[in-house]
PDB file of N, CA and C in Angstrom:
ATOM      1  N   MET A   1    -179.742  33.737 -49.211  1.00  0.00           N
ATOM      2  CA  MET A   1    -180.648  34.827 -49.501  1.00  0.00           C
ATOM      3  C   MET A   1    -179.863  36.096 -49.851  1.00  0.00           C
ATOM      4  N   LEU A   2    -178.788  36.340 -49.144  1.00  0.00           N
ATOM      5  CA  LEU A   2    -177.982  37.535 -49.401  1.00  0.00           C
ATOM      6  C   LEU A   2    -177.348  37.494 -50.793  1.00  0.00           C
ATOM      7  N   ALA A   3    -177.066  36.310 -51.277  1.00  0.00           N
ATOM      8  CA  ALA A   3    -176.451  36.171 -52.604  1.00  0.00           C
ATOM      9  C   ALA A   3    -177.380  36.632 -53.720  1.00  0.00           C
ATOM     10  N   THR A   4    -178.682  36.590 -53.490  1.00  0.00           N
ATOM     11  CA  THR A   4    -179.602  37.015 -54.539  1.00  0.00           C
ATOM     12  C   THR A   4    -179.597  38.530 -54.741  1.00  0.00           C
ATOM     13  N   TYR A   5    -179.062  39.269 -53.776  1.00  0.00           N
ATOM     14  CA  TYR A   5    -178.904  40.712 -53.942  1.00  0.00           C
ATOM     15  C   TYR A   5    -177.715  40.932 -54.876  1.00  0.00           C
ATOM     16  N   GLY A   6    -177.953  41.417 -56.039  1.00  0.00           N
ATOM     17  CA  GLY A   6    -176.906  41.625 -57.023  1.00  0.00           C
ATOM     18  C   GLY A   6    -176.604  40.382 -57.835  1.00  0.00           C
ATOM     19  N   ASP A   7    -177.455  39.360 -57.706  1.00  0.00           N
ATOM     20  CA  ASP A   7    -177.331  38.133 -58.491  1.00  0.00           C
ATOM     21  C   ASP A   7    -175.924  37.543 -58.388  1.00  0.00           C
ATOM     22  N   ARG A   8    -175.496  37.249 -57.162  1.00  0.00           N
ATOM     23  CA  ARG A   8    -174.167  36.699 -56.905  1.00  0.00           C
ATOM     24  C   ARG A   8    -174.284  35.237 -56.494  1.00  0.00           C
ATOM     25  N   SER A   9    -173.168  34.557 -56.524  1.00  0.00           N
ATOM     26  CA  SER A   9    -173.156  33.194 -56.009  1.00  0.00           C
ATOM     27  C   SER A   9    -172.858  33.261 -54.514  1.00  0.00           C
ATOM     28  N   PRO A  10    -173.268  32.256 -53.752  1.00  0.00           N
ATOM     29  CA  PRO A  10    -172.976  32.261 -52.308  1.00  0.00           C
ATOM     30  C   PRO A  10    -171.476  32.380 -52.015  1.00  0.00           C
ATOM     31  N   ALA A  11    -170.638  31.871 -52.879  1.00  0.00           N
ATOM     32  CA  ALA A  11    -169.190  31.961 -52.673  1.00  0.00           C
ATOM     33  C   ALA A  11    -168.679  33.397 -52.785  1.00  0.00           C
ATOM     34  N   ASP A  12    -169.445  34.264 -53.439  1.00  0.00           N
ATOM     35  CA  ASP A  12    -169.045  35.658 -53.620  1.00  0.00           C
ATOM     36  C   ASP A  12    -169.438  36.560 -52.457  1.00  0.00           C
ATOM     37  N   ILE A  13    -170.102  36.023 -51.456  1.00  0.00           N
ATOM     38  CA  ILE A  13    -170.562  36.833 -50.333  1.00  0.00           C
ATOM     39  C   ILE A  13    -169.429  37.003 -49.331  1.00  0.00           C
ATOM     40  N   ALA A  14    -169.120  38.245 -49.044  1.00  0.00           N
ATOM     41  CA  ALA A  14    -168.084  38.557 -48.054  1.00  0.00           C
ATOM     42  C   ALA A  14    -168.695  38.510 -46.654  1.00  0.00           C
ATOM     43  N   GLU A  15    -167.855  38.449 -45.631  1.00  0.00           N
ATOM     44  CA  GLU A  15    -168.332  38.426 -44.245  1.00  0.00           C
ATOM     45  C   GLU A  15    -169.004  39.751 -43.880  1.00  0.00           C
ATOM     46  N   GLY A  16    -168.488  40.866 -44.401  1.00  0.00           N
ATOM     47  CA  GLY A  16    -169.054  42.170 -44.094  1.00  0.00           C
ATOM     48  C   GLY A  16    -170.332  42.436 -44.874  1.00  0.00           C
ATOM     49  N   ILE A  17    -171.300  43.075 -44.213  1.00  0.00           N
ATOM     50  CA  ILE A  17    -172.567  43.451 -44.846  1.00  0.00           C
ATOM     51  C   ILE A  17    -172.688  44.957 -44.767  1.00  0.00           C
ATOM     52  N   ASP A  18    -172.844  45.609 -45.929  1.00  0.00           N
ATOM     53  CA  ASP A  18    -172.986  47.068 -45.906  1.00  0.00           C
ATOM     54  C   ASP A  18    -174.440  47.444 -45.632  1.00  0.00           C
ATOM     55  N   SER A  19    -174.690  48.718 -45.446  1.00  0.00           N
ATOM     56  CA  SER A  19    -176.021  49.171 -45.027  1.00  0.00           C
ATOM     57  C   SER A  19    -177.104  48.878 -46.064  1.00  0.00           C
ATOM     58  N   LEU A  20    -176.796  48.981 -47.350  1.00  0.00           N
ATOM     59  CA  LEU A  20    -177.793  48.668 -48.376  1.00  0.00           C
ATOM     60  C   LEU A  20    -178.115  47.185 -48.384  1.00  0.00           C
ATOM     61  N   GLU A  21    -177.092  46.345 -48.256  1.00  0.00           N
ATOM     62  CA  GLU A  21    -177.321  44.899 -48.195  1.00  0.00           C
ATOM     63  C   GLU A  21    -178.169  44.552 -46.975  1.00  0.00           C
ATOM     64  N   LEU A  22    -177.885  45.190 -45.853  1.00  0.00           N
ATOM     65  CA  LEU A  22    -178.623  44.907 -44.630  1.00  0.00           C
ATOM     66  C   LEU A  22    -180.086  45.316 -44.761  1.00  0.00           C
ATOM     67  N   ALA A  23    -180.333  46.493 -45.300  1.00  0.00           N
ATOM     68  CA  ALA A  23    -181.718  46.940 -45.490  1.00  0.00           C
ATOM     69  C   ALA A  23    -182.465  45.985 -46.412  1.00  0.00           C
ATOM     70  N   TRP A  24    -181.814  45.559 -47.484  1.00  0.00           N
ATOM     71  CA  TRP A  24    -182.429  44.628 -48.424  1.00  0.00           C
ATOM     72  C   TRP A  24    -182.685  43.287 -47.751  1.00  0.00           C
ATOM     73  N   LEU A  25    -181.705  42.794 -46.982  1.00  0.00           N
ATOM     74  CA  LEU A  25    -181.839  41.507 -46.310  1.00  0.00           C
ATOM     75  C   LEU A  25    -182.983  41.516 -45.299  1.00  0.00           C
ATOM     76  N   VAL A  26    -183.073  42.563 -44.491  1.00  0.00           N
ATOM     77  CA  VAL A  26    -184.156  42.661 -43.513  1.00  0.00           C
ATOM     78  C   VAL A  26    -185.503  42.657 -44.231  1.00  0.00           C
ATOM     79  N   HIS A  27    -185.616  43.410 -45.298  1.00  0.00           N
ATOM     80  CA  HIS A  27    -186.862  43.430 -46.082  1.00  0.00           C
ATOM     81  C   HIS A  27    -187.185  42.034 -46.618  1.00  0.00           C
ATOM     82  N   GLN A  28    -186.197  41.356 -47.182  1.00  0.00           N
ATOM     83  CA  GLN A  28    -186.416  40.024 -47.731  1.00  0.00           C
ATOM     84  C   GLN A  28    -186.851  39.025 -46.644  1.00  0.00           C
ATOM     85  N   LEU A  29    -186.221  39.094 -45.485  1.00  0.00           N
ATOM     86  CA  LEU A  29    -186.602  38.208 -44.390  1.00  0.00           C
ATOM     87  C   LEU A  29    -188.030  38.466 -43.939  1.00  0.00           C
ATOM     88  N   GLU A  30    -188.396  39.733 -43.829  1.00  0.00           N
ATOM     89  CA  GLU A  30    -189.759  40.079 -43.435  1.00  0.00           C
ATOM     90  C   GLU A  30    -190.767  39.567 -44.464  1.00  0.00           C
ATOM     91  N   GLN A  31    -190.443  39.705 -45.739  1.00  0.00           N
ATOM     92  CA  GLN A  31    -191.332  39.226 -46.794  1.00  0.00           C
ATOM     93  C   GLN A  31    -191.407  37.700 -46.802  1.00  0.00           C
ATOM     94  N   HIS A  32    -190.270  37.057 -46.675  1.00  0.00           N
ATOM     95  CA  HIS A  32    -190.192  35.597 -46.751  1.00  0.00           C
ATOM     96  C   HIS A  32    -190.944  34.931 -45.602  1.00  0.00           C
ATOM     97  N   TYR A  33    -190.757  35.446 -44.398  1.00  0.00           N
ATOM     98  CA  TYR A  33    -191.374  34.833 -43.222  1.00  0.00           C
ATOM     99  C   TYR A  33    -192.692  35.473 -42.816  1.00  0.00           C
ATOM    100  N   GLY A  34    -193.051  36.580 -43.451  1.00  0.00           N
ATOM    101  CA  GLY A  34    -194.334  37.211 -43.189  1.00  0.00           C
ATOM    102  C   GLY A  34    -194.473  37.838 -41.816  1.00  0.00           C
ATOM    103  N   VAL A  35    -193.334  38.194 -41.224  1.00  0.00           N
ATOM    104  CA  VAL A  35    -193.369  38.837 -39.907  1.00  0.00           C
ATOM    105  C   VAL A  35    -192.403  40.010 -39.898  1.00  0.00           C
ATOM    106  N   PRO A  36    -192.789  41.104 -39.249  1.00  0.00           N
ATOM    107  CA  PRO A  36    -191.852  42.221 -39.135  1.00  0.00           C
ATOM    108  C   PRO A  36    -190.761  41.880 -38.111  1.00  0.00           C
ATOM    109  N   LEU A  37    -189.543  42.282 -38.398  1.00  0.00           N
ATOM    110  CA  LEU A  37    -188.433  42.079 -37.466  1.00  0.00           C
ATOM    111  C   LEU A  37    -188.318  43.317 -36.590  1.00  0.00           C
ATOM    112  N   ASP A  38    -188.376  43.128 -35.297  1.00  0.00           N
ATOM    113  CA  ASP A  38    -188.272  44.228 -34.348  1.00  0.00           C
ATOM    114  C   ASP A  38    -186.801  44.372 -33.957  1.00  0.00           C
ATOM    115  N   LEU A  39    -186.068  45.188 -34.701  1.00  0.00           N
ATOM    116  CA  LEU A  39    -184.625  45.325 -34.522  1.00  0.00           C
ATOM    117  C   LEU A  39    -184.291  46.695 -33.950  1.00  0.00           C
ATOM    118  N   ASP A  40    -183.589  46.705 -32.816  1.00  0.00           N
ATOM    119  CA  ASP A  40    -183.146  47.976 -32.259  1.00  0.00           C
ATOM    120  C   ASP A  40    -181.785  48.343 -32.860  1.00  0.00           C
ATOM    121  N   ASP A  41    -181.272  49.497 -32.506  1.00  0.00           N
ATOM    122  CA  ASP A  41    -180.002  49.971 -33.065  1.00  0.00           C
ATOM    123  C   ASP A  41    -178.848  49.027 -32.757  1.00  0.00           C
ATOM    124  N   GLU A  42    -178.858  48.439 -31.558  1.00  0.00           N
ATOM    125  CA  GLU A  42    -177.789  47.504 -31.194  1.00  0.00           C
ATOM    126  C   GLU A  42    -177.812  46.265 -32.087  1.00  0.00           C
ATOM    127  N   ALA A  43    -179.000  45.713 -32.328  1.00  0.00           N
ATOM    128  CA  ALA A  43    -179.122  44.534 -33.184  1.00  0.00           C
ATOM    129  C   ALA A  43    -178.673  44.856 -34.604  1.00  0.00           C
ATOM    130  N   LEU A  44    -179.089  45.995 -35.115  1.00  0.00           N
ATOM    131  CA  LEU A  44    -178.688  46.385 -36.471  1.00  0.00           C
ATOM    132  C   LEU A  44    -177.176  46.566 -36.568  1.00  0.00           C
ATOM    133  N   ALA A  45    -176.563  47.128 -35.548  1.00  0.00           N
ATOM    134  CA  ALA A  45    -175.107  47.299 -35.552  1.00  0.00           C
ATOM    135  C   ALA A  45    -174.405  45.948 -35.559  1.00  0.00           C
ATOM    136  N   ARG A  46    -174.944  44.988 -34.833  1.00  0.00           N
ATOM    137  CA  ARG A  46    -174.353  43.654 -34.797  1.00  0.00           C
ATOM    138  C   ARG A  46    -174.509  42.926 -36.128  1.00  0.00           C
ATOM    139  N   MET A  47    -175.453  43.353 -36.947  1.00  0.00           N
ATOM    140  CA  MET A  47    -175.718  42.702 -38.228  1.00  0.00           C
ATOM    141  C   MET A  47    -174.833  43.238 -39.356  1.00  0.00           C
ATOM    142  N   SER A  48    -173.693  43.804 -39.014  1.00  0.00           N
ATOM    143  CA  SER A  48    -172.771  44.318 -40.036  1.00  0.00           C
ATOM    144  C   SER A  48    -171.889  43.209 -40.610  1.00  0.00           C
ATOM    145  N   THR A  49    -172.043  41.987 -40.090  1.00  0.00           N
ATOM    146  CA  THR A  49    -171.336  40.826 -40.637  1.00  0.00           C
ATOM    147  C   THR A  49    -172.337  39.679 -40.797  1.00  0.00           C
ATOM    148  N   VAL A  50    -171.981  38.717 -41.627  1.00  0.00           N
ATOM    149  CA  VAL A  50    -172.846  37.550 -41.820  1.00  0.00           C
ATOM    150  C   VAL A  50    -173.006  36.795 -40.502  1.00  0.00           C
ATOM    151  N   SER A  51    -171.910  36.570 -39.798  1.00  0.00           N
ATOM    152  CA  SER A  51    -172.003  35.824 -38.536  1.00  0.00           C
ATOM    153  C   SER A  51    -172.800  36.600 -37.490  1.00  0.00           C
ATOM    154  N   GLY A  52    -172.644  37.907 -37.436  1.00  0.00           N
ATOM    155  CA  GLY A  52    -173.423  38.726 -36.517  1.00  0.00           C
ATOM    156  C   GLY A  52    -174.904  38.689 -36.849  1.00  0.00           C
ATOM    157  N   THR A  53    -175.216  38.691 -38.129  1.00  0.00           N
ATOM    158  CA  THR A  53    -176.604  38.609 -38.573  1.00  0.00           C
ATOM    159  C   THR A  53    -177.223  37.290 -38.149  1.00  0.00           C
ATOM    160  N   LEU A  54    -176.494  36.202 -38.336  1.00  0.00           N
ATOM    161  CA  LEU A  54    -177.010  34.895 -37.933  1.00  0.00           C
ATOM    162  C   LEU A  54    -177.258  34.838 -36.426  1.00  0.00           C
ATOM    163  N   GLU A  55    -176.370  35.420 -35.651  1.00  0.00           N
ATOM    164  CA  GLU A  55    -176.556  35.446 -34.196  1.00  0.00           C
ATOM    165  C   GLU A  55    -177.822  36.203 -33.814  1.00  0.00           C
ATOM    166  N   VAL A  56    -178.015  37.373 -34.408  1.00  0.00           N
ATOM    167  CA  VAL A  56    -179.211  38.176 -34.109  1.00  0.00           C
ATOM    168  C   VAL A  56    -180.471  37.421 -34.514  1.00  0.00           C
ATOM    169  N   LEU A  57    -180.471  36.825 -35.691  1.00  0.00           N
ATOM    170  CA  LEU A  57    -181.651  36.106 -36.161  1.00  0.00           C
ATOM    171  C   LEU A  57    -181.946  34.890 -35.282  1.00  0.00           C
ATOM    172  N   GLN A  58    -180.905  34.214 -34.814  1.00  0.00           N
ATOM    173  CA  GLN A  58    -181.119  33.080 -33.908  1.00  0.00           C
ATOM    174  C   GLN A  58    -181.728  33.558 -32.596  1.00  0.00           C
ATOM    175  N   GLU A  59    -181.273  34.689 -32.096  1.00  0.00           N
ATOM    176  CA  GLU A  59    -181.843  35.247 -30.867  1.00  0.00           C
ATOM    177  C   GLU A  59    -183.310  35.617 -31.043  1.00  0.00           C
ATOM    178  N   LEU A  60    -183.650  36.065 -32.257  1.00  0.00           N
ATOM    179  CA  LEU A  60    -185.039  36.434 -32.550  1.00  0.00           C
ATOM    180  C   LEU A  60    -185.877  35.219 -32.936  1.00  0.00           C
ATOM    181  N   LYS A  61    -185.238  34.061 -33.011  1.00  0.00           N
ATOM    182  CA  LYS A  61    -185.917  32.809 -33.383  1.00  0.00           C
ATOM    183  C   LYS A  61    -186.424  32.842 -34.822  1.00  0.00           C
ATOM    184  N   VAL A  62    -185.669  33.500 -35.722  1.00  0.00           N
ATOM    185  CA  VAL A  62    -186.019  33.533 -37.142  1.00  0.00           C
ATOM    186  C   VAL A  62    -185.328  32.365 -37.813  1.00  0.00           C
ATOM    187  N   GLU A  63    -186.077  31.570 -38.569  1.00  0.00           N
ATOM    188  CA  GLU A  63    -185.479  30.462 -39.298  1.00  0.00           C
ATOM    189  C   GLU A  63    -184.541  30.996 -40.361  1.00  0.00           C
ATOM    190  N   THR A  64    -183.316  30.456 -40.413  1.00  0.00           N
ATOM    191  CA  THR A  64    -182.352  30.918 -41.410  1.00  0.00           C
ATOM    192  C   THR A  64    -181.964  29.822 -42.375  1.00  0.00           C
ATOM    193  N   GLY A  65    -182.470  28.620 -42.200  1.00  0.00           N
ATOM    194  CA  GLY A  65    -182.150  27.512 -43.084  1.00  0.00           C
ATOM    195  C   GLY A  65    -183.104  27.432 -44.243  1.00  0.00           C
ATOM    196  N   SER A  66    -182.845  26.489 -45.141  1.00  0.00           N
ATOM    197  CA  SER A  66    -183.714  26.269 -46.297  1.00  0.00           C
ATOM    198  C   SER A  66    -185.011  25.628 -45.849  1.00  0.00           C
ATOM    199  N   ARG A  67    -186.043  25.900 -46.592  1.00  0.00           N
ATOM    200  CA  ARG A  67    -187.350  25.288 -46.294  1.00  0.00           C
ATOM    201  C   ARG A  67    -187.454  23.969 -46.964  1.00  0.00           C
TER     202      ARG A  67
END
């Protein structure tokens, strides 16, 4: 999903996520799953990397795999 921001391939995605990518990703997840994500400042700070984002989403029980 993150690769679609800027029309990149998945191989072009770096581990680090900047604030614009994160805002876009959260919006896309909310739209895709139809639920608002209740993220506090600590969760958002942890989402500065791909692996951190996956951990937060798993804790929130958000599906991150393909449908």
